[in-house]
Amino acid sequence: GCLSEMLLLCNEAAARRVAKFGPQKTSDGTQTKPLGLEYMADRLDTDDPLEGFQVRSSEGWLQGFITTTTFTVWQRAFRWDSFAPESGVADDDLEERNWDSDNALALELEQQHRAGNPDAEGIIWPKLAEISLLGALGCGTWLMKLVLEELEKEGEYEFVVVQATENSVPFYENFGFIRVGAVAKYREKTLAKAASKKGGAADKSNSKKRGGSERDNVETPLPDWLKNKRFNFFVGSAQGSSTCA
């Protein structure tokens, strides 16, 4: 199906990159990898709305794809903050990247309206578009231009967000995207954990959703393993290049 075609395309694009530039490594020394099957399947299944474009050869072979959605998070405590030490903005970003050096873009993003349930549809940011998937064999720039033109024409969004892989950062920077920091926390459901240890069910009457104890919704910092898998957000304007170029 289409998903297997997308995976093959990403693997081919990665192989061509290695042949041209040699093996690529991330800042922590591990070798970079193309988009994985599980990640792409999750995005295609979860993203709502899901829009995008495909490029195919005259023989019908997939040559490129791009998908967009409305930016959504599933952490109850999520904020844009390029100055926060835990935001994921690394020293390499400060030296080599176009980044949100005055925190102004993060503050502007933080002022955007958002609403939703992180345990259901997620917290939706209706004015932030997200480029969720992009893979191409020589037509990535054309696809990117097409999407940005469509987003500007529709006028629904004010910003475009992407979680860029390290190899793709220069590509997005060419379109005026800049590095922006973000901080998230996850919920530790203490009542549910306590009940599972005892082999019983959690007392639903104490759930915060039912007006009971707030212990079920304790916000705790991200664990180290998730901190190391840091956000790598780049943000551009959905209304021309004046905001972020």
C-alpha atoms as a PDB file:
ATOM      1  CA  GLY A   1       0.000   0.000   0.000  1.00  0.00           C
ATOM      2  CA  CYS A   2       0.892   3.662   0.157  1.00  0.00           C
ATOM      3  CA  LEU A   3       2.605   3.306   3.537  1.00  0.00           C
ATOM      4  CA  SER A   4       5.056   0.711   2.255  1.00  0.00           C
ATOM      5  CA  GLU A   5       5.795   2.953  -0.741  1.00  0.00           C
ATOM      6  CA  MET A   6       6.529   5.845   1.603  1.00  0.00           C
ATOM      7  CA  LEU A   7       8.894   3.694   3.658  1.00  0.00           C
ATOM      8  CA  LEU A   8      10.764   2.503   0.562  1.00  0.00           C
ATOM      9  CA  LEU A   9      11.071   6.091  -0.655  1.00  0.00           C
ATOM     10  CA  CYS A  10      12.517   7.275   2.683  1.00  0.00           C
ATOM     11  CA  ASN A  11      15.024   4.423   2.718  1.00  0.00           C
ATOM     12  CA  GLU A  12      16.064   5.218  -0.851  1.00  0.00           C
ATOM     13  CA  ALA A  13      16.437   8.919  -0.041  1.00  0.00           C
ATOM     14  CA  ALA A  14      18.613   8.032   2.974  1.00  0.00           C
ATOM     15  CA  ALA A  15      20.765   5.691   0.865  1.00  0.00           C
ATOM     16  CA  ARG A  16      21.301   8.411  -1.737  1.00  0.00           C
ATOM     17  CA  ARG A  17      22.270  10.886   0.984  1.00  0.00           C
ATOM     18  CA  VAL A  18      24.859   8.477   2.397  1.00  0.00           C
ATOM     19  CA  ALA A  19      26.240   7.799  -1.086  1.00  0.00           C
ATOM     20  CA  LYS A  20      26.601  11.527  -1.687  1.00  0.00           C
ATOM     21  CA  PHE A  21      27.723  12.837   1.707  1.00  0.00           C
ATOM     22  CA  GLY A  22      28.808   9.738   3.636  1.00  0.00           C
ATOM     23  CA  PRO A  23      27.228   8.429   6.886  1.00  0.00           C
ATOM     24  CA  GLN A  24      25.466  11.175   8.827  1.00  0.00           C
ATOM     25  CA  LYS A  25      25.491  11.308  12.625  1.00  0.00           C
ATOM     26  CA  THR A  26      23.374  13.193  15.141  1.00  0.00           C
ATOM     27  CA  SER A  27      24.796  15.508  17.798  1.00  0.00           C
ATOM     28  CA  ASP A  28      24.993  12.606  20.277  1.00  0.00           C
ATOM     29  CA  GLY A  29      27.092  10.526  17.877  1.00  0.00           C
ATOM     30  CA  THR A  30      24.435   8.064  16.713  1.00  0.00           C
ATOM     31  CA  GLN A  31      23.838   7.511  13.030  1.00  0.00           C
ATOM     32  CA  THR A  32      20.799   9.248  11.604  1.00  0.00           C
ATOM     33  CA  LYS A  33      17.888   7.136  10.396  1.00  0.00           C
ATOM     34  CA  PRO A  34      15.111   7.749   7.872  1.00  0.00           C
ATOM     35  CA  LEU A  35      11.484   8.064   8.929  1.00  0.00           C
ATOM     36  CA  GLY A  36      10.346   4.752  10.395  1.00  0.00           C
ATOM     37  CA  LEU A  37       7.290   2.699   9.504  1.00  0.00           C
ATOM     38  CA  GLU A  38       5.774   2.940  12.991  1.00  0.00           C
ATOM     39  CA  TYR A  39       6.129   6.731  13.123  1.00  0.00           C
ATOM     40  CA  MET A  40       4.606   7.250   9.684  1.00  0.00           C
ATOM     41  CA  ALA A  41       1.748   4.850  10.403  1.00  0.00           C
ATOM     42  CA  ASP A  42       1.038   6.643  13.685  1.00  0.00           C
ATOM     43  CA  ARG A  43       0.950  10.050  11.998  1.00  0.00           C
ATOM     44  CA  LEU A  44      -1.322   8.859   9.202  1.00  0.00           C
ATOM     45  CA  ASP A  45      -3.648   7.254  11.744  1.00  0.00           C
ATOM     46  CA  THR A  46      -3.635  10.102  14.301  1.00  0.00           C
ATOM     47  CA  ASP A  47      -3.370  13.366  12.357  1.00  0.00           C
ATOM     48  CA  ASP A  48      -6.741  15.080  11.979  1.00  0.00           C
ATOM     49  CA  PRO A  49      -7.213  16.827   9.638  1.00  0.00           C
ATOM     50  CA  LEU A  50      -4.743  15.119   7.313  1.00  0.00           C
ATOM     51  CA  GLU A  51      -3.946  16.813   4.022  1.00  0.00           C
ATOM     52  CA  GLY A  52      -1.072  16.625   1.595  1.00  0.00           C
ATOM     53  CA  PHE A  53       0.331  15.932  -1.829  1.00  0.00           C
ATOM     54  CA  GLN A  54       2.068  13.120  -3.702  1.00  0.00           C
ATOM     55  CA  VAL A  55       4.395  13.205  -6.677  1.00  0.00           C
ATOM     56  CA  ARG A  56       4.493  10.153  -8.968  1.00  0.00           C
ATOM     57  CA  SER A  57       6.456   9.325 -12.075  1.00  0.00           C
ATOM     58  CA  SER A  58       4.739   8.663 -15.383  1.00  0.00           C
ATOM     59  CA  GLU A  59       5.061   4.963 -14.552  1.00  0.00           C
ATOM     60  CA  GLY A  60       3.260   5.499 -11.250  1.00  0.00           C
ATOM     61  CA  TRP A  61       6.265   5.262  -8.883  1.00  0.00           C
ATOM     62  CA  LEU A  62       6.085   7.434  -5.774  1.00  0.00           C
ATOM     63  CA  GLN A  63       8.684  10.219  -5.984  1.00  0.00           C
ATOM     64  CA  GLY A  64       7.636  12.403  -3.064  1.00  0.00           C
ATOM     65  CA  PHE A  65       4.986  13.079  -0.428  1.00  0.00           C
ATOM     66  CA  ILE A  66       4.139  15.723   2.134  1.00  0.00           C
ATOM     67  CA  THR A  67       1.385  15.805   4.759  1.00  0.00           C
ATOM     68  CA  THR A  68       0.102  18.603   6.975  1.00  0.00           C
ATOM     69  CA  THR A  69      -2.211  18.775   9.953  1.00  0.00           C
ATOM     70  CA  THR A  70      -3.207  21.105  12.765  1.00  0.00           C
ATOM     71  CA  PHE A  71      -0.557  21.146  15.489  1.00  0.00           C
ATOM     72  CA  THR A  72      -1.682  19.006  18.434  1.00  0.00           C
ATOM     73  CA  VAL A  73       0.023  17.919  21.665  1.00  0.00           C
ATOM     74  CA  TRP A  74      -0.940  15.257  24.186  1.00  0.00           C
ATOM     75  CA  GLN A  75       0.908  16.701  27.168  1.00  0.00           C
ATOM     76  CA  ARG A  76      -1.317  18.635  29.566  1.00  0.00           C
ATOM     77  CA  ALA A  77       1.556  20.974  30.410  1.00  0.00           C
ATOM     78  CA  PHE A  78       3.216  22.147  27.189  1.00  0.00           C
ATOM     79  CA  ARG A  79       4.674  25.573  26.583  1.00  0.00           C
ATOM     80  CA  TRP A  80       6.866  27.362  24.062  1.00  0.00           C
ATOM     81  CA  ASP A  81       9.988  28.747  25.719  1.00  0.00           C
ATOM     82  CA  SER A  82      13.315  29.073  23.902  1.00  0.00           C
ATOM     83  CA  PHE A  83      15.115  30.253  27.057  1.00  0.00           C
ATOM     84  CA  ALA A  84      14.161  27.340  29.332  1.00  0.00           C
ATOM     85  CA  PRO A  85      17.208  25.103  30.022  1.00  0.00           C
ATOM     86  CA  GLU A  86      15.072  21.997  29.447  1.00  0.00           C
ATOM     87  CA  SER A  87      13.620  23.287  26.155  1.00  0.00           C
ATOM     88  CA  GLY A  88      15.945  21.194  24.011  1.00  0.00           C
ATOM     89  CA  VAL A  89      17.773  24.139  22.415  1.00  0.00           C
ATOM     90  CA  ALA A  90      21.351  22.867  22.464  1.00  0.00           C
ATOM     91  CA  ASP A  91      24.657  24.720  22.340  1.00  0.00           C
ATOM     92  CA  ASP A  92      25.003  23.651  18.705  1.00  0.00           C
ATOM     93  CA  ASP A  93      21.695  25.379  17.963  1.00  0.00           C
ATOM     94  CA  LEU A  94      22.944  28.616  19.521  1.00  0.00           C
ATOM     95  CA  GLU A  95      26.112  28.575  17.441  1.00  0.00           C
ATOM     96  CA  GLU A  96      24.961  27.126  14.136  1.00  0.00           C
ATOM     97  CA  ARG A  97      21.203  27.553  13.826  1.00  0.00           C
ATOM     98  CA  ASN A  98      18.841  30.424  13.172  1.00  0.00           C
ATOM     99  CA  TRP A  99      17.124  30.332  16.535  1.00  0.00           C
ATOM    100  CA  ASP A 100      14.644  32.323  18.611  1.00  0.00           C
ATOM    101  CA  SER A 101      17.424  34.280  20.339  1.00  0.00           C
ATOM    102  CA  ASP A 102      15.143  36.838  22.034  1.00  0.00           C
ATOM    103  CA  ASN A 103      12.365  34.335  22.856  1.00  0.00           C
ATOM    104  CA  ALA A 104       9.941  36.598  20.985  1.00  0.00           C
ATOM    105  CA  LEU A 105       8.610  33.904  18.681  1.00  0.00           C
ATOM    106  CA  ALA A 106       8.108  31.487  21.581  1.00  0.00           C
ATOM    107  CA  LEU A 107       6.130  34.157  23.444  1.00  0.00           C
ATOM    108  CA  GLU A 108       4.024  34.813  20.363  1.00  0.00           C
ATOM    109  CA  LEU A 109       3.327  31.109  19.964  1.00  0.00           C
ATOM    110  CA  GLU A 110       2.480  30.790  23.647  1.00  0.00           C
ATOM    111  CA  GLN A 111      -0.208  33.462  23.236  1.00  0.00           C
ATOM    112  CA  GLN A 112      -1.999  31.398  20.592  1.00  0.00           C
ATOM    113  CA  HIS A 113      -5.359  29.883  21.489  1.00  0.00           C
ATOM    114  CA  ARG A 114      -5.407  26.160  22.206  1.00  0.00           C
ATOM    115  CA  ALA A 115      -8.086  23.776  23.528  1.00  0.00           C
ATOM    116  CA  GLY A 116      -8.846  20.090  23.913  1.00  0.00           C
ATOM    117  CA  ASN A 117      -8.411  17.015  26.081  1.00  0.00           C
ATOM    118  CA  PRO A 118      -4.903  15.467  26.205  1.00  0.00           C
ATOM    119  CA  ASP A 119      -6.469  12.109  27.073  1.00  0.00           C
ATOM    120  CA  ALA A 120      -8.687  12.127  23.981  1.00  0.00           C
ATOM    121  CA  GLU A 121      -8.328  14.252  20.848  1.00  0.00           C
ATOM    122  CA  GLY A 122      -5.305  16.110  22.225  1.00  0.00           C
ATOM    123  CA  ILE A 123      -4.788  19.818  22.822  1.00  0.00           C
ATOM    124  CA  ILE A 124      -5.294  21.480  19.447  1.00  0.00           C
ATOM    125  CA  TRP A 125      -3.637  24.729  18.354  1.00  0.00           C
ATOM    126  CA  PRO A 126      -5.980  25.907  15.564  1.00  0.00           C
ATOM    127  CA  LYS A 127      -3.655  28.619  14.207  1.00  0.00           C
ATOM    128  CA  LEU A 128      -0.574  26.385  13.986  1.00  0.00           C
ATOM    129  CA  ALA A 129      -0.148  24.111  10.984  1.00  0.00           C
ATOM    130  CA  GLU A 130       2.312  21.226  11.236  1.00  0.00           C
ATOM    131  CA  ILE A 131       4.251  19.552   8.469  1.00  0.00           C
ATOM    132  CA  SER A 132       4.027  16.032   9.807  1.00  0.00           C
ATOM    133  CA  LEU A 133       5.641  13.937   7.051  1.00  0.00           C
ATOM    134  CA  LEU A 134       7.921  14.825   4.150  1.00  0.00           C
ATOM    135  CA  GLY A 135       9.911  12.511   1.935  1.00  0.00           C
ATOM    136  CA  ALA A 136      11.144  13.106  -1.582  1.00  0.00           C
ATOM    137  CA  LEU A 137      13.581  12.076  -4.294  1.00  0.00           C
ATOM    138  CA  GLY A 138      14.564  15.425  -5.753  1.00  0.00           C
ATOM    139  CA  CYS A 139      11.186  17.159  -5.450  1.00  0.00           C
ATOM    140  CA  GLY A 140      11.179  18.148  -1.757  1.00  0.00           C
ATOM    141  CA  THR A 141      11.673  21.864  -2.439  1.00  0.00           C
ATOM    142  CA  TRP A 142       8.803  21.889  -4.924  1.00  0.00           C
ATOM    143  CA  LEU A 143       6.503  20.088  -2.465  1.00  0.00           C
ATOM    144  CA  MET A 144       7.439  22.464   0.346  1.00  0.00           C
ATOM    145  CA  LYS A 145       6.766  25.533  -1.777  1.00  0.00           C
ATOM    146  CA  LEU A 146       3.442  24.078  -2.854  1.00  0.00           C
ATOM    147  CA  VAL A 147       2.318  23.464   0.732  1.00  0.00           C
ATOM    148  CA  LEU A 148       3.402  26.887   1.991  1.00  0.00           C
ATOM    149  CA  GLU A 149       1.606  28.569  -0.900  1.00  0.00           C
ATOM    150  CA  GLU A 150      -1.553  26.569  -0.153  1.00  0.00           C
ATOM    151  CA  LEU A 151      -1.434  27.392   3.554  1.00  0.00           C
ATOM    152  CA  GLU A 152      -0.973  31.094   2.818  1.00  0.00           C
ATOM    153  CA  LYS A 153      -3.807  31.046   0.278  1.00  0.00           C
ATOM    154  CA  GLU A 154      -6.217  29.352   2.709  1.00  0.00           C
ATOM    155  CA  GLY A 155      -5.385  31.868   5.446  1.00  0.00           C
ATOM    156  CA  GLU A 156      -6.438  29.505   8.246  1.00  0.00           C
ATOM    157  CA  TYR A 157      -3.062  29.314   9.986  1.00  0.00           C
ATOM    158  CA  GLU A 158      -0.569  31.909  11.223  1.00  0.00           C
ATOM    159  CA  PHE A 159       2.454  29.649  11.802  1.00  0.00           C
ATOM    160  CA  VAL A 160       3.907  26.420  10.448  1.00  0.00           C
ATOM    161  CA  VAL A 161       5.629  23.986  12.821  1.00  0.00           C
ATOM    162  CA  VAL A 162       7.889  21.055  11.997  1.00  0.00           C
ATOM    163  CA  GLN A 163       9.898  18.632  14.138  1.00  0.00           C
ATOM    164  CA  ALA A 164      13.000  18.527  11.966  1.00  0.00           C
ATOM    165  CA  THR A 165      15.547  15.741  11.858  1.00  0.00           C
ATOM    166  CA  GLU A 166      19.115  17.000  12.095  1.00  0.00           C
ATOM    167  CA  ASN A 167      19.759  16.230   8.429  1.00  0.00           C
ATOM    168  CA  SER A 168      16.744  18.245   7.322  1.00  0.00           C
ATOM    169  CA  VAL A 169      17.444  21.417   9.337  1.00  0.00           C
ATOM    170  CA  PRO A 170      19.238  23.328   6.524  1.00  0.00           C
ATOM    171  CA  PHE A 171      16.362  22.476   4.183  1.00  0.00           C
ATOM    172  CA  TYR A 172      13.786  24.114   6.467  1.00  0.00           C
ATOM    173  CA  GLU A 173      16.046  27.044   7.278  1.00  0.00           C
ATOM    174  CA  ASN A 174      16.103  27.849   3.553  1.00  0.00           C
ATOM    175  CA  PHE A 175      12.373  28.511   3.882  1.00  0.00           C
ATOM    176  CA  GLY A 176      12.817  30.899   6.811  1.00  0.00           C
ATOM    177  CA  PHE A 177      12.129  28.432   9.632  1.00  0.00           C
ATOM    178  CA  ILE A 178      13.936  29.111  12.907  1.00  0.00           C
ATOM    179  CA  ARG A 179      14.664  26.963  15.947  1.00  0.00           C
ATOM    180  CA  VAL A 180      12.177  27.429  18.805  1.00  0.00           C
ATOM    181  CA  GLY A 181      12.267  25.743  22.205  1.00  0.00           C
ATOM    182  CA  ALA A 182       9.410  23.909  23.895  1.00  0.00           C
ATOM    183  CA  VAL A 183       8.923  22.334  27.331  1.00  0.00           C
ATOM    184  CA  ALA A 184       6.509  19.549  28.203  1.00  0.00           C
ATOM    185  CA  LYS A 185       5.531  17.552  31.260  1.00  0.00           C
ATOM    186  CA  TYR A 186       3.655  14.315  31.535  1.00  0.00           C
ATOM    187  CA  ARG A 187       1.009  13.230  34.009  1.00  0.00           C
ATOM    188  CA  GLU A 188       1.749  10.548  36.559  1.00  0.00           C
ATOM    189  CA  LYS A 189      -1.524   8.882  37.463  1.00  0.00           C
ATOM    190  CA  THR A 190      -0.684   8.097  41.058  1.00  0.00           C
ATOM    191  CA  LEU A 191      -4.048   6.644  42.005  1.00  0.00           C
ATOM    192  CA  ALA A 192      -4.088   4.241  39.090  1.00  0.00           C
ATOM    193  CA  LYS A 193      -0.535   3.120  39.872  1.00  0.00           C
ATOM    194  CA  ALA A 194      -1.357   2.585  43.535  1.00  0.00           C
ATOM    195  CA  ALA A 195      -4.433   0.569  42.640  1.00  0.00           C
ATOM    196  CA  SER A 196      -2.550  -1.611  40.173  1.00  0.00           C
ATOM    197  CA  LYS A 197       0.053  -2.456  42.819  1.00  0.00           C
ATOM    198  CA  LYS A 198      -2.741  -3.612  45.129  1.00  0.00           C
ATOM    199  CA  GLY A 199      -4.455  -5.535  42.353  1.00  0.00           C
ATOM    200  CA  GLY A 200      -7.623  -3.474  42.614  1.00  0.00           C
ATOM    201  CA  ALA A 201      -9.349  -0.702  40.719  1.00  0.00           C
ATOM    202  CA  ALA A 202      -8.717   2.976  41.252  1.00  0.00           C
ATOM    203  CA  ASP A 203     -11.358   4.876  43.171  1.00  0.00           C
ATOM    204  CA  LYS A 204     -13.086   6.754  40.363  1.00  0.00           C
ATOM    205  CA  SER A 205     -14.769   9.068  42.828  1.00  0.00           C
ATOM    206  CA  ASN A 206     -11.370  10.605  43.541  1.00  0.00           C
ATOM    207  CA  SER A 207     -10.635  11.418  39.910  1.00  0.00           C
ATOM    208  CA  LYS A 208     -10.008  15.086  39.169  1.00  0.00           C
ATOM    209  CA  LYS A 209     -12.433  14.809  36.261  1.00  0.00           C
ATOM    210  CA  ARG A 210     -15.133  14.057  38.813  1.00  0.00           C
ATOM    211  CA  GLY A 211     -14.162  16.877  41.142  1.00  0.00           C
ATOM    212  CA  GLY A 212     -12.201  14.727  43.567  1.00  0.00           C
ATOM    213  CA  SER A 213      -8.540  14.578  44.539  1.00  0.00           C
ATOM    214  CA  GLU A 214      -5.924  16.251  42.354  1.00  0.00           C
ATOM    215  CA  ARG A 215      -3.362  13.549  43.126  1.00  0.00           C
ATOM    216  CA  ASP A 216      -4.442  11.779  39.941  1.00  0.00           C
ATOM    217  CA  ASN A 217      -3.130  14.655  37.853  1.00  0.00           C
ATOM    218  CA  VAL A 218       0.268  15.382  39.375  1.00  0.00           C
ATOM    219  CA  GLU A 219       2.529  17.094  36.828  1.00  0.00           C
ATOM    220  CA  THR A 220       6.087  15.778  36.970  1.00  0.00           C
ATOM    221  CA  PRO A 221       9.128  16.702  34.858  1.00  0.00           C
ATOM    222  CA  LEU A 222       9.965  14.679  31.777  1.00  0.00           C
ATOM    223  CA  PRO A 223      12.161  11.660  32.580  1.00  0.00           C
ATOM    224  CA  ASP A 224      15.759  11.646  31.384  1.00  0.00           C
ATOM    225  CA  TRP A 225      15.097   9.238  28.516  1.00  0.00           C
ATOM    226  CA  LEU A 226      12.478  11.601  27.102  1.00  0.00           C
ATOM    227  CA  LYS A 227      14.618  14.671  27.690  1.00  0.00           C
ATOM    228  CA  ASN A 228      17.341  13.095  25.587  1.00  0.00           C
ATOM    229  CA  LYS A 229      14.817  12.622  22.799  1.00  0.00           C
ATOM    230  CA  ARG A 230      14.416  16.384  22.729  1.00  0.00           C
ATOM    231  CA  PHE A 231      11.975  18.413  20.728  1.00  0.00           C
ATOM    232  CA  ASN A 232      13.541  19.831  17.598  1.00  0.00           C
ATOM    233  CA  PHE A 233      10.899  22.350  16.609  1.00  0.00           C
ATOM    234  CA  PHE A 234      11.378  24.778  13.758  1.00  0.00           C
ATOM    235  CA  VAL A 235       8.697  27.376  13.103  1.00  0.00           C
ATOM    236  CA  GLY A 236       7.933  29.453  10.035  1.00  0.00           C
ATOM    237  CA  SER A 237       5.188  31.816   8.980  1.00  0.00           C
ATOM    238  CA  ALA A 238       2.036  30.619   7.228  1.00  0.00           C
ATOM    239  CA  GLN A 239       1.410  34.163   5.961  1.00  0.00           C
ATOM    240  CA  GLY A 240       4.505  34.960   3.915  1.00  0.00           C
ATOM    241  CA  SER A 241       8.069  35.213   5.211  1.00  0.00           C
ATOM    242  CA  SER A 242       7.911  38.481   7.144  1.00  0.00           C
ATOM    243  CA  THR A 243       7.540  36.886  10.596  1.00  0.00           C
ATOM    244  CA  CYS A 244      10.295  34.322  10.577  1.00  0.00           C
ATOM    245  CA  ALA A 245      12.630  34.948   7.653  1.00  0.00           C
END
